[in-house]
Amino acid sequence: QAIQAINGYTSMSAEEFTNVIFQKIDVNNDGELTLEEFISGVESDEDLMELITQSFDLSNVLKVIQNG
């Protein structure tokens, strides 16, 4: 939520974001993501990669830090 608030990317809530991730890449539907599932899922889904890239863009955080 903090990263989304800082970079202005708030088209969905943190809960909605998490649900999207699980729906797309929790391949065995156990409600848990292993690191392997996460990496494999993100690498194989362009839309998910873009969503995560936008959501975790820290460039605005760096600007705030640099400008004091």
C-alpha atoms as a PDB file:
ATOM      1  CA  GLN A   1       0.000   0.000   0.000  1.00  0.00           C
ATOM      2  CA  ALA A   2       2.836   2.387   0.838  1.00  0.00           C
ATOM      3  CA  ILE A   3       4.572   1.895  -2.492  1.00  0.00           C
ATOM      4  CA  GLN A   4       1.280   2.328  -4.347  1.00  0.00           C
ATOM      5  CA  ALA A   5       0.556   5.540  -2.435  1.00  0.00           C
ATOM      6  CA  ILE A   6       3.988   6.977  -3.130  1.00  0.00           C
ATOM      7  CA  ASN A   7       4.083   6.255  -6.835  1.00  0.00           C
ATOM      8  CA  GLY A   8       0.426   7.078  -7.459  1.00  0.00           C
ATOM      9  CA  TYR A   9      -0.420   3.685  -8.910  1.00  0.00           C
ATOM     10  CA  THR A  10      -3.619   2.929  -7.018  1.00  0.00           C
ATOM     11  CA  SER A  11      -5.998   1.507  -9.593  1.00  0.00           C
ATOM     12  CA  MET A  12      -6.653  -1.431  -7.251  1.00  0.00           C
ATOM     13  CA  SER A  13      -6.410  -2.085  -3.546  1.00  0.00           C
ATOM     14  CA  ALA A  14      -3.558  -4.076  -2.050  1.00  0.00           C
ATOM     15  CA  GLU A  15      -6.021  -6.920  -1.445  1.00  0.00           C
ATOM     16  CA  GLU A  16      -7.212  -6.877  -5.056  1.00  0.00           C
ATOM     17  CA  PHE A  17      -3.595  -6.819  -6.239  1.00  0.00           C
ATOM     18  CA  THR A  18      -2.785  -9.849  -4.082  1.00  0.00           C
ATOM     19  CA  ASN A  19      -5.863 -11.715  -5.307  1.00  0.00           C
ATOM     20  CA  VAL A  20      -4.887 -11.115  -8.943  1.00  0.00           C
ATOM     21  CA  ILE A  21      -1.414 -12.493  -8.293  1.00  0.00           C
ATOM     22  CA  PHE A  22      -2.741 -15.615  -6.575  1.00  0.00           C
ATOM     23  CA  GLN A  23      -5.383 -16.253  -9.255  1.00  0.00           C
ATOM     24  CA  LYS A  24      -2.773 -16.073 -11.988  1.00  0.00           C
ATOM     25  CA  ILE A  25       0.166 -17.944 -10.486  1.00  0.00           C
ATOM     26  CA  ASP A  26      -0.882 -20.169  -7.568  1.00  0.00           C
ATOM     27  CA  VAL A  27      -0.795 -23.169  -9.904  1.00  0.00           C
ATOM     28  CA  ASN A  28      -1.595 -25.808  -7.297  1.00  0.00           C
ATOM     29  CA  ASN A  29      -4.319 -23.660  -5.664  1.00  0.00           C
ATOM     30  CA  ASP A  30      -3.018 -24.225  -2.149  1.00  0.00           C
ATOM     31  CA  GLY A  31      -3.322 -20.547  -1.183  1.00  0.00           C
ATOM     32  CA  GLU A  32       0.430 -20.180  -0.877  1.00  0.00           C
ATOM     33  CA  LEU A  33       3.065 -19.031  -3.345  1.00  0.00           C
ATOM     34  CA  THR A  34       6.486 -20.547  -3.412  1.00  0.00           C
ATOM     35  CA  LEU A  35       9.304 -18.449  -4.794  1.00  0.00           C
ATOM     36  CA  GLU A  36       9.427 -20.806  -7.776  1.00  0.00           C
ATOM     37  CA  GLU A  37       5.696 -20.346  -8.491  1.00  0.00           C
ATOM     38  CA  PHE A  38       6.034 -16.573  -8.225  1.00  0.00           C
ATOM     39  CA  ILE A  39       9.045 -16.325 -10.532  1.00  0.00           C
ATOM     40  CA  SER A  40       7.655 -18.768 -13.085  1.00  0.00           C
ATOM     41  CA  GLY A  41       4.232 -17.109 -13.072  1.00  0.00           C
ATOM     42  CA  VAL A  42       5.551 -13.584 -13.488  1.00  0.00           C
ATOM     43  CA  GLU A  43       7.999 -14.584 -16.212  1.00  0.00           C
ATOM     44  CA  SER A  44       5.256 -16.311 -18.214  1.00  0.00           C
ATOM     45  CA  ASP A  45       2.606 -13.563 -17.991  1.00  0.00           C
ATOM     46  CA  GLU A  46       3.372 -10.228 -19.698  1.00  0.00           C
ATOM     47  CA  ASP A  47       0.356  -8.465 -18.178  1.00  0.00           C
ATOM     48  CA  LEU A  48       1.301  -9.576 -14.680  1.00  0.00           C
ATOM     49  CA  MET A  49       4.912  -8.503 -15.218  1.00  0.00           C
ATOM     50  CA  GLU A  50       3.712  -5.046 -16.286  1.00  0.00           C
ATOM     51  CA  LEU A  51       1.337  -4.799 -13.325  1.00  0.00           C
ATOM     52  CA  ILE A  52       4.087  -5.690 -10.861  1.00  0.00           C
ATOM     53  CA  THR A  53       6.589  -3.400 -12.549  1.00  0.00           C
ATOM     54  CA  GLN A  54       4.174  -0.459 -12.297  1.00  0.00           C
ATOM     55  CA  SER A  55       3.171  -1.293  -8.743  1.00  0.00           C
ATOM     56  CA  PHE A  56       6.716  -1.556  -7.464  1.00  0.00           C
ATOM     57  CA  ASP A  57       8.241   1.326  -9.388  1.00  0.00           C
ATOM     58  CA  LEU A  58      10.432   3.041  -6.803  1.00  0.00           C
ATOM     59  CA  SER A  59      11.639   5.908  -9.003  1.00  0.00           C
ATOM     60  CA  ASN A  60       9.359   8.391  -7.206  1.00  0.00           C
ATOM     61  CA  VAL A  61      10.668   7.181  -3.846  1.00  0.00           C
ATOM     62  CA  LEU A  62      14.220   7.846  -5.016  1.00  0.00           C
ATOM     63  CA  LYS A  63      13.239  11.353  -6.152  1.00  0.00           C
ATOM     64  CA  VAL A  64      11.757  12.126  -2.738  1.00  0.00           C
ATOM     65  CA  ILE A  65      14.894  10.862  -1.018  1.00  0.00           C
ATOM     66  CA  GLN A  66      17.186  12.842  -3.316  1.00  0.00           C
ATOM     67  CA  ASN A  67      15.184  16.049  -2.887  1.00  0.00           C
ATOM     68  CA  GLY A  68      15.122  15.723   0.899  1.00  0.00           C
END
